[in-house]
Structures are given as C-alpha cells and as structure tokens.
Amino acid sequence: MARVALITGGAKGIGRAIGLDLAAAGWDIALCYRTSEREAAETASRITQAGRRALAERCDVSDAAAGEGFVRKVEKEFGAVDALINCAGPYHRVNILDETPAGWTAMFAHNLHAVFYMSKAVTPGMKARKSGRIISFSMANADQMVAQPEVTAHYIAKAGVLILTRTLAKALAPYGITASSIRVAPRRQSWPAW
C-alpha cells in the first residue's frame, strides 16, 4: 500500500514541488489550497499521470474544523496519513506602522495556527500506528529574532512555527512521530535587519 502525504498549500510553489517529487517516489498525494484552484487541478493531474492517486480540495486550514474535516476525508479516501507537510503560509509586505488588525491576525491564522490545527488533526492516527512525519516551514533566520519591519507578523508567526515544531517533536517522539521544520530564505534579501 502506498504511503500518503497531505500537503497544505500544495497547489503551487514548494508544496507543489514536494508533492510531485513524492508522487514520483510512489506516494499518494492529498493537497489543499485556498485560492489556487487552477494550479491545484494541474498539480493533481500531473500526480495522476505519474500513476499515483491525487486529491485536491479547497480548504482554509486556518479554520480548525475545516482542516480536521479535510484530514478525515483524506483518511477515508486514501487511508492513513503518513506525512503532513505544512506548506500553506501566505504573507503580505506592509510596514509594521501601517499594519491593520485584520492583516496582523491573518498572518498568524494562516502561518502559525494552521500548523497547530493540522498537526493536531493528523496525530491521533499517527499515534495509533506509532509512525508519522510532520514537516513545517519557517524562515531562515526566524530563530535570530531580527527585526523585520516590512513583514513583522509573518516573521513572528514563523518564529512561532519553530517553537511549535520543537514542542511537537518532544511530545510526539514517544509515539515514533517526528516533527521538523525547514527554514527557507525570504524571497527578497533586502529587508533591513536592525
């Protein structure tokens, strides 16, 4: 039986690349997206052309109930989720002095809260099998606590992902589940660091 990866934000970018690579290695892929319907359909098509099962569904993983519903659907249709890959993580570039409460809240909801919700949703099955992988994405220098005036909320949320990941790793290790984070460099290196 094929292993199953659930990839949030799997329609394009890093999530898409991971999904295609895993499909080429024999994994079945479930991916979710918020706004990238066309890209999700293209990604799912490429996965099925590679001979693997694909499920692409619109799901806002910053909504705990929606995320859990998607996990249950994947488990019903594909079986156990062997790997959760948290790639969803939009950001906006706005100076901290111009940030709005809605923008601030959205950065935490989509970049940090979603990682918690999805990790919590997949762990019961992983714990029962004593096996599983949770991979999340952070920023390359998030642990350095460097000021980032143009992407402050996103940056703080990504620092939170590091702490959450380390905590999950400690809590889930007794069940044979690993949790790790990958730190990616920001798209633009021109952010001042004060």
N, C-alpha and C. Protein backbone atom coordinates (compact mmCIF):
# COMPACT_ATOMS: atom_id res chain seq x y z
N MET A 1 0.84 -1.19 0.00
CA MET A 1 0.00 0.00 0.00
C MET A 1 0.88 1.25 0.00
N ALA A 2 0.51 2.20 -0.82
CA ALA A 2 1.30 3.43 -0.95
C ALA A 2 1.21 4.29 0.30
N ARG A 3 2.27 4.99 0.58
CA ARG A 3 2.25 5.97 1.65
C ARG A 3 1.48 7.20 1.19
N VAL A 4 0.94 7.94 2.15
CA VAL A 4 0.08 9.09 1.85
C VAL A 4 0.67 10.34 2.48
N ALA A 5 0.80 11.38 1.66
CA ALA A 5 1.23 12.69 2.15
C ALA A 5 0.09 13.68 1.99
N LEU A 6 -0.16 14.45 3.03
CA LEU A 6 -1.13 15.54 2.98
C LEU A 6 -0.32 16.83 2.98
N ILE A 7 -0.53 17.64 1.95
CA ILE A 7 0.26 18.86 1.78
C ILE A 7 -0.67 20.07 1.77
N THR A 8 -0.54 20.93 2.77
CA THR A 8 -1.30 22.17 2.75
C THR A 8 -0.55 23.16 1.86
N GLY A 9 -1.30 23.96 1.11
CA GLY A 9 -0.64 24.86 0.18
C GLY A 9 0.09 24.09 -0.91
N GLY A 10 -0.46 22.94 -1.29
CA GLY A 10 0.23 22.05 -2.22
C GLY A 10 -0.03 22.31 -3.69
N ALA A 11 -0.75 23.37 -4.02
CA ALA A 11 -1.10 23.62 -5.41
C ALA A 11 0.03 24.24 -6.22
N LYS A 12 0.92 24.96 -5.55
CA LYS A 12 2.00 25.63 -6.29
C LYS A 12 3.21 25.81 -5.38
N GLY A 13 4.27 26.33 -5.94
CA GLY A 13 5.47 26.63 -5.17
C GLY A 13 6.13 25.39 -4.57
N ILE A 14 6.62 25.56 -3.35
CA ILE A 14 7.33 24.49 -2.67
C ILE A 14 6.42 23.29 -2.45
N GLY A 15 5.17 23.54 -2.05
CA GLY A 15 4.23 22.44 -1.81
C GLY A 15 4.02 21.60 -3.05
N ARG A 16 3.86 22.25 -4.18
CA ARG A 16 3.68 21.52 -5.44
C ARG A 16 4.92 20.68 -5.76
N ALA A 17 6.10 21.28 -5.64
CA ALA A 17 7.34 20.56 -5.94
C ALA A 17 7.49 19.33 -5.05
N ILE A 18 7.18 19.47 -3.78
CA ILE A 18 7.26 18.33 -2.86
C ILE A 18 6.27 17.25 -3.27
N GLY A 19 5.05 17.66 -3.58
CA GLY A 19 4.03 16.70 -3.99
C GLY A 19 4.44 15.92 -5.23
N LEU A 20 4.98 16.61 -6.21
CA LEU A 20 5.39 15.94 -7.44
C LEU A 20 6.56 14.99 -7.19
N ASP A 21 7.51 15.42 -6.37
CA ASP A 21 8.64 14.54 -6.04
C ASP A 21 8.19 13.30 -5.27
N LEU A 22 7.30 13.50 -4.29
CA LEU A 22 6.80 12.35 -3.54
C LEU A 22 6.00 11.40 -4.42
N ALA A 23 5.20 11.95 -5.33
CA ALA A 23 4.44 11.10 -6.25
C ALA A 23 5.39 10.28 -7.12
N ALA A 24 6.46 10.91 -7.57
CA ALA A 24 7.45 10.18 -8.38
C ALA A 24 8.11 9.06 -7.58
N ALA A 25 8.13 9.22 -6.24
CA ALA A 25 8.72 8.20 -5.36
C ALA A 25 7.68 7.18 -4.88
N GLY A 26 6.45 7.28 -5.41
CA GLY A 26 5.43 6.28 -5.10
C GLY A 26 4.41 6.65 -4.05
N TRP A 27 4.38 7.90 -3.63
CA TRP A 27 3.42 8.34 -2.63
C TRP A 27 2.12 8.78 -3.29
N ASP A 28 0.99 8.61 -2.60
CA ASP A 28 -0.27 9.22 -2.98
C ASP A 28 -0.33 10.58 -2.29
N ILE A 29 -0.92 11.56 -2.98
CA ILE A 29 -0.85 12.95 -2.50
C ILE A 29 -2.25 13.55 -2.35
N ALA A 30 -2.51 14.08 -1.17
CA ALA A 30 -3.70 14.90 -0.93
C ALA A 30 -3.20 16.32 -0.70
N LEU A 31 -3.74 17.24 -1.45
CA LEU A 31 -3.31 18.63 -1.28
C LEU A 31 -4.51 19.53 -1.13
N CYS A 32 -4.30 20.59 -0.39
CA CYS A 32 -5.38 21.56 -0.25
C CYS A 32 -4.85 22.95 -0.57
N TYR A 33 -5.77 23.82 -0.88
CA TYR A 33 -5.44 25.17 -1.31
C TYR A 33 -6.59 26.09 -0.90
N ARG A 34 -6.33 27.38 -0.88
CA ARG A 34 -7.40 28.35 -0.61
C ARG A 34 -7.86 29.05 -1.88
N THR A 35 -6.90 29.45 -2.72
CA THR A 35 -7.26 30.29 -3.86
C THR A 35 -6.73 29.78 -5.19
N SER A 36 -5.88 28.79 -5.20
CA SER A 36 -5.17 28.37 -6.42
C SER A 36 -5.83 27.16 -7.07
N GLU A 37 -7.08 27.31 -7.45
CA GLU A 37 -7.84 26.18 -7.98
C GLU A 37 -7.24 25.63 -9.28
N ARG A 38 -6.90 26.51 -10.21
CA ARG A 38 -6.34 26.05 -11.48
C ARG A 38 -5.02 25.33 -11.27
N GLU A 39 -4.15 25.90 -10.45
CA GLU A 39 -2.85 25.27 -10.17
C GLU A 39 -3.02 23.93 -9.46
N ALA A 40 -4.01 23.86 -8.56
CA ALA A 40 -4.27 22.60 -7.85
C ALA A 40 -4.70 21.51 -8.82
N ALA A 41 -5.57 21.86 -9.77
CA ALA A 41 -6.02 20.88 -10.75
C ALA A 41 -4.85 20.41 -11.62
N GLU A 42 -3.98 21.33 -12.00
CA GLU A 42 -2.80 20.96 -12.79
C GLU A 42 -1.87 20.04 -12.00
N THR A 43 -1.66 20.36 -10.74
CA THR A 43 -0.78 19.54 -9.90
C THR A 43 -1.37 18.15 -9.73
N ALA A 44 -2.66 18.07 -9.43
CA ALA A 44 -3.31 16.77 -9.26
C ALA A 44 -3.24 15.96 -10.55
N SER A 45 -3.41 16.61 -11.68
CA SER A 45 -3.32 15.92 -12.96
C SER A 45 -1.93 15.33 -13.18
N ARG A 46 -0.91 16.09 -12.84
CA ARG A 46 0.47 15.59 -13.00
C ARG A 46 0.74 14.41 -12.07
N ILE A 47 0.15 14.44 -10.88
CA ILE A 47 0.33 13.33 -9.94
C ILE A 47 -0.33 12.07 -10.48
N THR A 48 -1.54 12.20 -10.99
CA THR A 48 -2.23 11.02 -11.53
C THR A 48 -1.54 10.51 -12.80
N GLN A 49 -0.98 11.42 -13.59
CA GLN A 49 -0.22 10.99 -14.76
C GLN A 49 1.01 10.19 -14.36
N ALA A 50 1.51 10.43 -13.16
CA ALA A 50 2.65 9.68 -12.64
C ALA A 50 2.22 8.34 -12.05
N GLY A 51 0.91 8.05 -12.13
CA GLY A 51 0.40 6.77 -11.66
C GLY A 51 0.03 6.72 -10.19
N ARG A 52 -0.09 7.88 -9.56
CA ARG A 52 -0.43 7.93 -8.14
C ARG A 52 -1.81 8.54 -7.95
N ARG A 53 -2.41 8.27 -6.83
CA ARG A 53 -3.71 8.88 -6.50
C ARG A 53 -3.48 10.31 -6.04
N ALA A 54 -4.41 11.19 -6.42
CA ALA A 54 -4.32 12.59 -6.03
C ALA A 54 -5.69 13.08 -5.60
N LEU A 55 -5.70 13.89 -4.58
CA LEU A 55 -6.91 14.56 -4.12
C LEU A 55 -6.55 16.02 -3.93
N ALA A 56 -7.25 16.90 -4.60
CA ALA A 56 -7.03 18.34 -4.47
C ALA A 56 -8.34 18.98 -4.08
N GLU A 57 -8.32 19.69 -2.96
CA GLU A 57 -9.56 20.27 -2.45
C GLU A 57 -9.31 21.64 -1.85
N ARG A 58 -10.27 22.54 -2.07
CA ARG A 58 -10.20 23.86 -1.44
C ARG A 58 -10.44 23.69 0.06
N CYS A 59 -9.56 24.22 0.86
CA CYS A 59 -9.71 24.13 2.31
C CYS A 59 -8.89 25.23 2.96
N ASP A 60 -9.53 26.02 3.78
CA ASP A 60 -8.82 27.05 4.54
C ASP A 60 -8.37 26.42 5.85
N VAL A 61 -7.10 26.05 5.91
CA VAL A 61 -6.59 25.33 7.08
C VAL A 61 -6.42 26.23 8.30
N SER A 62 -6.69 27.53 8.15
CA SER A 62 -6.70 28.39 9.33
C SER A 62 -8.01 28.25 10.09
N ASP A 63 -8.94 27.49 9.54
CA ASP A 63 -10.20 27.12 10.20
C ASP A 63 -10.02 25.70 10.73
N ALA A 64 -9.96 25.55 12.04
CA ALA A 64 -9.66 24.25 12.66
C ALA A 64 -10.63 23.16 12.20
N ALA A 65 -11.92 23.47 12.14
CA ALA A 65 -12.91 22.46 11.75
C ALA A 65 -12.75 22.06 10.28
N ALA A 66 -12.45 23.03 9.43
CA ALA A 66 -12.26 22.72 8.01
C ALA A 66 -11.02 21.86 7.83
N GLY A 67 -9.95 22.19 8.52
CA GLY A 67 -8.73 21.39 8.43
C GLY A 67 -8.94 19.97 8.90
N GLU A 68 -9.62 19.81 10.02
CA GLU A 68 -9.88 18.47 10.53
C GLU A 68 -10.79 17.70 9.57
N GLY A 69 -11.76 18.38 9.00
CA GLY A 69 -12.63 17.72 8.02
C GLY A 69 -11.85 17.21 6.82
N PHE A 70 -10.87 18.00 6.37
CA PHE A 70 -10.06 17.56 5.24
C PHE A 70 -9.22 16.35 5.62
N VAL A 71 -8.64 16.35 6.81
CA VAL A 71 -7.85 15.20 7.26
C VAL A 71 -8.73 13.95 7.29
N ARG A 72 -9.94 14.06 7.85
CA ARG A 72 -10.82 12.90 7.92
C ARG A 72 -11.19 12.39 6.52
N LYS A 73 -11.39 13.31 5.57
CA LYS A 73 -11.70 12.92 4.21
C LYS A 73 -10.53 12.17 3.58
N VAL A 74 -9.32 12.67 3.78
CA VAL A 74 -8.13 12.01 3.24
C VAL A 74 -8.01 10.61 3.84
N GLU A 75 -8.20 10.50 5.14
CA GLU A 75 -8.11 9.18 5.80
C GLU A 75 -9.16 8.22 5.25
N LYS A 76 -10.35 8.72 4.98
CA LYS A 76 -11.42 7.88 4.45
C LYS A 76 -11.13 7.42 3.03
N GLU A 77 -10.62 8.34 2.21
CA GLU A 77 -10.41 8.01 0.79
C GLU A 77 -9.06 7.34 0.51
N PHE A 78 -8.02 7.72 1.24
CA PHE A 78 -6.68 7.22 0.95
C PHE A 78 -6.13 6.30 2.03
N GLY A 79 -6.68 6.39 3.23
CA GLY A 79 -6.12 5.65 4.35
C GLY A 79 -5.26 6.55 5.22
N ALA A 80 -4.41 5.94 6.00
CA ALA A 80 -3.60 6.67 6.97
C ALA A 80 -2.75 7.76 6.33
N VAL A 81 -2.66 8.89 7.02
CA VAL A 81 -1.76 9.96 6.60
C VAL A 81 -0.38 9.68 7.20
N ASP A 82 0.58 9.40 6.35
CA ASP A 82 1.94 9.09 6.80
C ASP A 82 2.77 10.35 7.03
N ALA A 83 2.48 11.40 6.26
CA ALA A 83 3.24 12.64 6.38
C ALA A 83 2.33 13.84 6.18
N LEU A 84 2.44 14.79 7.09
CA LEU A 84 1.78 16.08 6.94
C LEU A 84 2.86 17.08 6.61
N ILE A 85 2.66 17.81 5.53
CA ILE A 85 3.63 18.82 5.12
C ILE A 85 2.90 20.16 5.10
N ASN A 86 3.22 21.00 6.06
CA ASN A 86 2.55 22.29 6.23
C ASN A 86 3.24 23.34 5.36
N CYS A 87 2.75 23.50 4.14
CA CYS A 87 3.33 24.48 3.21
C CYS A 87 2.50 25.75 3.10
N ALA A 88 1.26 25.72 3.55
CA ALA A 88 0.43 26.92 3.48
C ALA A 88 1.09 28.00 4.34
N GLY A 89 1.20 29.18 3.81
CA GLY A 89 1.84 30.24 4.59
C GLY A 89 1.96 31.53 3.81
N PRO A 90 0.85 32.14 3.47
CA PRO A 90 0.93 33.39 2.71
C PRO A 90 1.50 34.52 3.56
N TYR A 91 1.98 35.54 2.90
CA TYR A 91 2.44 36.72 3.63
C TYR A 91 2.14 37.95 2.81
N HIS A 92 2.10 39.06 3.49
CA HIS A 92 1.99 40.34 2.78
C HIS A 92 3.08 41.25 3.30
N ARG A 93 3.50 42.14 2.44
CA ARG A 93 4.57 43.07 2.77
C ARG A 93 3.92 44.42 3.10
N VAL A 94 3.97 44.76 4.38
CA VAL A 94 3.43 46.04 4.82
C VAL A 94 4.23 46.48 6.05
N ASN A 95 4.55 47.74 6.12
CA ASN A 95 5.31 48.25 7.24
C ASN A 95 4.52 48.08 8.53
N ILE A 96 5.19 47.72 9.60
CA ILE A 96 4.54 47.48 10.88
C ILE A 96 3.67 48.66 11.32
N LEU A 97 4.08 49.88 11.00
CA LEU A 97 3.30 51.06 11.39
C LEU A 97 2.04 51.23 10.56
N ASP A 98 1.96 50.52 9.44
CA ASP A 98 0.78 50.57 8.58
C ASP A 98 -0.06 49.29 8.65
N GLU A 99 0.39 48.32 9.43
CA GLU A 99 -0.33 47.04 9.54
C GLU A 99 -1.70 47.25 10.16
N THR A 100 -2.67 46.48 9.70
CA THR A 100 -4.03 46.55 10.24
C THR A 100 -4.26 45.38 11.18
N PRO A 101 -5.23 45.48 12.08
CA PRO A 101 -5.56 44.34 12.92
C PRO A 101 -5.94 43.10 12.10
N ALA A 102 -6.68 43.31 11.01
CA ALA A 102 -7.07 42.17 10.17
C ALA A 102 -5.85 41.53 9.51
N GLY A 103 -4.93 42.35 9.01
CA GLY A 103 -3.73 41.81 8.39
C GLY A 103 -2.86 41.08 9.38
N TRP A 104 -2.72 41.64 10.57
CA TRP A 104 -1.94 41.02 11.64
C TRP A 104 -2.52 39.65 11.99
N THR A 105 -3.82 39.62 12.21
CA THR A 105 -4.50 38.37 12.59
C THR A 105 -4.38 37.32 11.50
N ALA A 106 -4.52 37.73 10.25
CA ALA A 106 -4.44 36.78 9.13
C ALA A 106 -3.07 36.11 9.05
N MET A 107 -2.01 36.85 9.31
CA MET A 107 -0.67 36.27 9.24
C MET A 107 -0.50 35.15 10.27
N PHE A 108 -1.02 35.35 11.47
CA PHE A 108 -0.93 34.31 12.49
C PHE A 108 -1.85 33.15 12.19
N ALA A 109 -3.06 33.45 11.71
CA ALA A 109 -4.03 32.39 11.41
C ALA A 109 -3.50 31.44 10.34
N HIS A 110 -2.93 31.99 9.28
CA HIS A 110 -2.51 31.16 8.14
C HIS A 110 -1.12 30.56 8.30
N ASN A 111 -0.25 31.19 9.07
CA ASN A 111 1.13 30.73 9.17
C ASN A 111 1.44 29.93 10.43
N LEU A 112 0.73 30.19 11.52
CA LEU A 112 1.02 29.50 12.78
C LEU A 112 -0.16 28.65 13.24
N HIS A 113 -1.33 29.25 13.34
CA HIS A 113 -2.48 28.49 13.84
C HIS A 113 -2.77 27.29 12.95
N ALA A 114 -2.66 27.45 11.65
CA ALA A 114 -2.94 26.34 10.73
C ALA A 114 -2.01 25.15 10.97
N VAL A 115 -0.75 25.42 11.29
CA VAL A 115 0.21 24.34 11.57
C VAL A 115 -0.24 23.57 12.81
N PHE A 116 -0.67 24.29 13.84
CA PHE A 116 -1.18 23.64 15.06
C PHE A 116 -2.42 22.81 14.75
N TYR A 117 -3.40 23.41 14.06
CA TYR A 117 -4.65 22.70 13.78
C TYR A 117 -4.41 21.43 12.98
N MET A 118 -3.62 21.54 11.93
CA MET A 118 -3.40 20.37 11.07
C MET A 118 -2.59 19.29 11.77
N SER A 119 -1.58 19.71 12.54
CA SER A 119 -0.78 18.74 13.29
C SER A 119 -1.65 18.00 14.29
N LYS A 120 -2.49 18.73 14.98
CA LYS A 120 -3.39 18.12 15.96
C LYS A 120 -4.36 17.15 15.28
N ALA A 121 -4.81 17.48 14.08
CA ALA A 121 -5.77 16.62 13.38
C ALA A 121 -5.16 15.31 12.90
N VAL A 122 -3.89 15.31 12.50
CA VAL A 122 -3.29 14.06 12.00
C VAL A 122 -2.70 13.19 13.09
N THR A 123 -2.43 13.74 14.27
CA THR A 123 -1.70 12.96 15.27
C THR A 123 -2.46 11.76 15.85
N PRO A 124 -3.78 11.77 15.99
CA PRO A 124 -4.41 10.56 16.54
C PRO A 124 -4.11 9.31 15.70
N GLY A 125 -4.22 9.42 14.40
CA GLY A 125 -3.92 8.27 13.54
C GLY A 125 -2.46 7.89 13.59
N MET A 126 -1.58 8.88 13.60
CA MET A 126 -0.14 8.61 13.66
C MET A 126 0.22 7.95 14.98
N LYS A 127 -0.35 8.45 16.08
CA LYS A 127 -0.08 7.86 17.39
C LYS A 127 -0.54 6.41 17.44
N ALA A 128 -1.70 6.14 16.86
CA ALA A 128 -2.22 4.76 16.87
C ALA A 128 -1.29 3.82 16.12
N ARG A 129 -0.67 4.30 15.05
CA ARG A 129 0.24 3.48 14.24
C ARG A 129 1.68 3.56 14.72
N LYS A 130 1.95 4.50 15.64
CA LYS A 130 3.31 4.75 16.14
C LYS A 130 4.27 5.07 14.99
N SER A 131 3.77 5.91 14.09
CA SER A 131 4.58 6.31 12.94
C SER A 131 3.98 7.55 12.31
N GLY A 132 4.84 8.44 11.83
CA GLY A 132 4.36 9.60 11.11
C GLY A 132 5.41 10.69 11.05
N ARG A 133 5.21 11.60 10.11
CA ARG A 133 6.13 12.72 9.91
C ARG A 133 5.32 14.00 9.77
N ILE A 134 5.75 15.03 10.48
CA ILE A 134 5.15 16.36 10.34
C ILE A 134 6.27 17.32 9.99
N ILE A 135 6.13 17.98 8.85
CA ILE A 135 7.15 18.91 8.37
C ILE A 135 6.49 20.27 8.16
N SER A 136 7.10 21.29 8.71
CA SER A 136 6.57 22.65 8.59
C SER A 136 7.66 23.58 8.09
N PHE A 137 7.25 24.72 7.59
CA PHE A 137 8.20 25.68 7.03
C PHE A 137 8.27 26.94 7.88
N SER A 138 9.50 27.41 8.06
CA SER A 138 9.75 28.65 8.79
C SER A 138 10.64 29.52 7.91
N MET A 139 11.14 30.61 8.48
CA MET A 139 12.06 31.48 7.75
C MET A 139 13.48 31.20 8.19
N ALA A 140 14.41 31.43 7.31
CA ALA A 140 15.81 31.07 7.54
C ALA A 140 16.38 31.65 8.83
N ASN A 141 16.03 32.86 9.17
CA ASN A 141 16.62 33.47 10.36
C ASN A 141 15.60 33.75 11.45
N ALA A 142 14.49 33.00 11.45
CA ALA A 142 13.41 33.27 12.41
C ALA A 142 13.87 33.08 13.85
N ASP A 143 14.82 32.20 14.08
CA ASP A 143 15.29 31.97 15.45
C ASP A 143 16.25 33.06 15.93
N GLN A 144 16.64 33.97 15.06
CA GLN A 144 17.58 35.03 15.44
C GLN A 144 16.87 36.27 15.98
N MET A 145 15.56 36.30 15.86
CA MET A 145 14.76 37.41 16.40
C MET A 145 15.21 38.76 15.85
N VAL A 146 15.46 38.79 14.55
CA VAL A 146 15.88 40.01 13.87
C VAL A 146 14.65 40.84 13.51
N ALA A 147 14.70 42.13 13.69
CA ALA A 147 13.58 43.00 13.35
C ALA A 147 13.31 42.94 11.85
N GLN A 148 12.06 42.80 11.49
CA GLN A 148 11.64 42.76 10.09
C GLN A 148 10.45 43.71 9.92
N PRO A 149 10.69 45.01 9.78
CA PRO A 149 9.61 45.99 9.77
C PRO A 149 8.59 45.83 8.64
N GLU A 150 8.96 45.19 7.55
CA GLU A 150 8.04 45.07 6.41
C GLU A 150 7.22 43.78 6.42
N VAL A 151 7.60 42.79 7.22
CA VAL A 151 6.87 41.50 7.28
C VAL A 151 6.80 41.02 8.74
N THR A 152 6.51 41.93 9.63
CA THR A 152 6.62 41.64 11.06
C THR A 152 5.73 40.49 11.51
N ALA A 153 4.45 40.53 11.24
CA ALA A 153 3.54 39.48 11.72
C ALA A 153 3.92 38.14 11.13
N HIS A 154 4.23 38.11 9.85
CA HIS A 154 4.64 36.85 9.20
C HIS A 154 5.89 36.30 9.88
N TYR A 155 6.83 37.15 10.14
CA TYR A 155 8.10 36.75 10.74
C TYR A 155 7.90 36.21 12.16
N ILE A 156 7.09 36.89 12.95
CA ILE A 156 6.81 36.41 14.31
C ILE A 156 6.09 35.07 14.25
N ALA A 157 5.14 34.93 13.34
CA ALA A 157 4.43 33.65 13.20
C ALA A 157 5.40 32.53 12.83
N LYS A 158 6.36 32.81 11.95
CA LYS A 158 7.33 31.79 11.55
C LYS A 158 8.28 31.44 12.70
N ALA A 159 8.59 32.41 13.56
CA ALA A 159 9.36 32.08 14.77
C ALA A 159 8.53 31.16 15.66
N GLY A 160 7.24 31.42 15.72
CA GLY A 160 6.33 30.56 16.48
C GLY A 160 6.29 29.15 15.93
N VAL A 161 6.38 29.01 14.61
CA VAL A 161 6.41 27.68 13.99
C VAL A 161 7.61 26.89 14.51
N LEU A 162 8.74 27.54 14.68
CA LEU A 162 9.92 26.84 15.21
C LEU A 162 9.67 26.30 16.61
N ILE A 163 9.09 27.13 17.47
CA ILE A 163 8.80 26.69 18.84
C ILE A 163 7.76 25.59 18.84
N LEU A 164 6.71 25.76 18.04
CA LEU A 164 5.66 24.73 17.95
C LEU A 164 6.24 23.41 17.46
N THR A 165 7.10 23.48 16.45
CA THR A 165 7.69 22.27 15.89
C THR A 165 8.55 21.55 16.92
N ARG A 166 9.36 22.31 17.64
CA ARG A 166 10.21 21.69 18.68
C ARG A 166 9.35 21.05 19.78
N THR A 167 8.26 21.70 20.11
CA THR A 167 7.36 21.17 21.13
C THR A 167 6.67 19.90 20.64
N LEU A 168 6.20 19.92 19.40
CA LEU A 168 5.58 18.72 18.83
C LEU A 168 6.58 17.57 18.77
N ALA A 169 7.82 17.88 18.39
CA ALA A 169 8.84 16.84 18.31
C ALA A 169 9.02 16.16 19.66
N LYS A 170 9.05 16.95 20.72
CA LYS A 170 9.23 16.39 22.06
C LYS A 170 7.99 15.59 22.49
N ALA A 171 6.81 16.14 22.24
CA ALA A 171 5.58 15.48 22.66
C ALA A 171 5.28 14.21 21.88
N LEU A 172 5.68 14.17 20.61
CA LEU A 172 5.32 13.04 19.75
C LEU A 172 6.41 11.98 19.62
N ALA A 173 7.62 12.28 20.05
CA ALA A 173 8.72 11.31 19.94
C ALA A 173 8.39 9.96 20.57
N PRO A 174 7.74 9.91 21.72
CA PRO A 174 7.44 8.60 22.32
C PRO A 174 6.52 7.73 21.45
N TYR A 175 5.85 8.32 20.48
CA TYR A 175 4.95 7.59 19.59
C TYR A 175 5.58 7.28 18.24
N GLY A 176 6.86 7.55 18.09
CA GLY A 176 7.54 7.27 16.83
C GLY A 176 7.26 8.27 15.74
N ILE A 177 6.77 9.45 16.12
CA ILE A 177 6.43 10.50 15.16
C ILE A 177 7.50 11.59 15.23
N THR A 178 7.97 12.02 14.07
CA THR A 178 8.93 13.12 14.04
C THR A 178 8.25 14.40 13.60
N ALA A 179 8.70 15.51 14.13
CA ALA A 179 8.26 16.83 13.70
C ALA A 179 9.51 17.65 13.43
N SER A 180 9.57 18.25 12.26
CA SER A 180 10.74 19.03 11.91
C SER A 180 10.32 20.25 11.09
N SER A 181 11.22 21.23 11.05
CA SER A 181 10.93 22.42 10.27
C SER A 181 12.07 22.67 9.29
N ILE A 182 11.69 23.24 8.18
CA ILE A 182 12.64 23.62 7.15
C ILE A 182 12.61 25.14 7.10
N ARG A 183 13.76 25.74 7.18
CA ARG A 183 13.83 27.20 7.15
C ARG A 183 14.22 27.64 5.75
N VAL A 184 13.35 28.42 5.15
CA VAL A 184 13.62 28.91 3.80
C VAL A 184 13.98 30.38 3.85
N ALA A 185 14.80 30.78 2.92
CA ALA A 185 15.21 32.19 2.83
C ALA A 185 14.05 33.02 2.31
N PRO A 186 13.91 34.24 2.79
CA PRO A 186 12.87 35.12 2.27
C PRO A 186 13.06 35.36 0.78
N ARG A 187 11.99 35.69 0.11
CA ARG A 187 12.06 35.91 -1.34
C ARG A 187 12.96 37.08 -1.69
N ARG A 188 12.97 38.10 -0.84
CA ARG A 188 13.83 39.26 -1.06
C ARG A 188 14.78 39.40 0.10
N GLN A 189 16.04 39.51 -0.18
CA GLN A 189 17.04 39.61 0.88
C GLN A 189 17.30 41.06 1.28
N SER A 190 16.50 41.99 0.78
CA SER A 190 16.80 43.40 1.02
C SER A 190 16.14 43.94 2.29
N TRP A 191 15.58 43.07 3.12
CA TRP A 191 14.95 43.57 4.33
C TRP A 191 16.01 44.07 5.29
N PRO A 192 15.83 45.25 5.83
CA PRO A 192 16.81 45.73 6.80
C PRO A 192 16.74 44.91 8.07
N ALA A 193 17.86 44.70 8.70
CA ALA A 193 17.91 43.96 9.96
C ALA A 193 18.46 44.87 11.03
N TRP A 194 17.58 45.38 11.89
CA TRP A 194 18.02 46.28 12.95
C TRP A 194 18.06 45.55 14.27
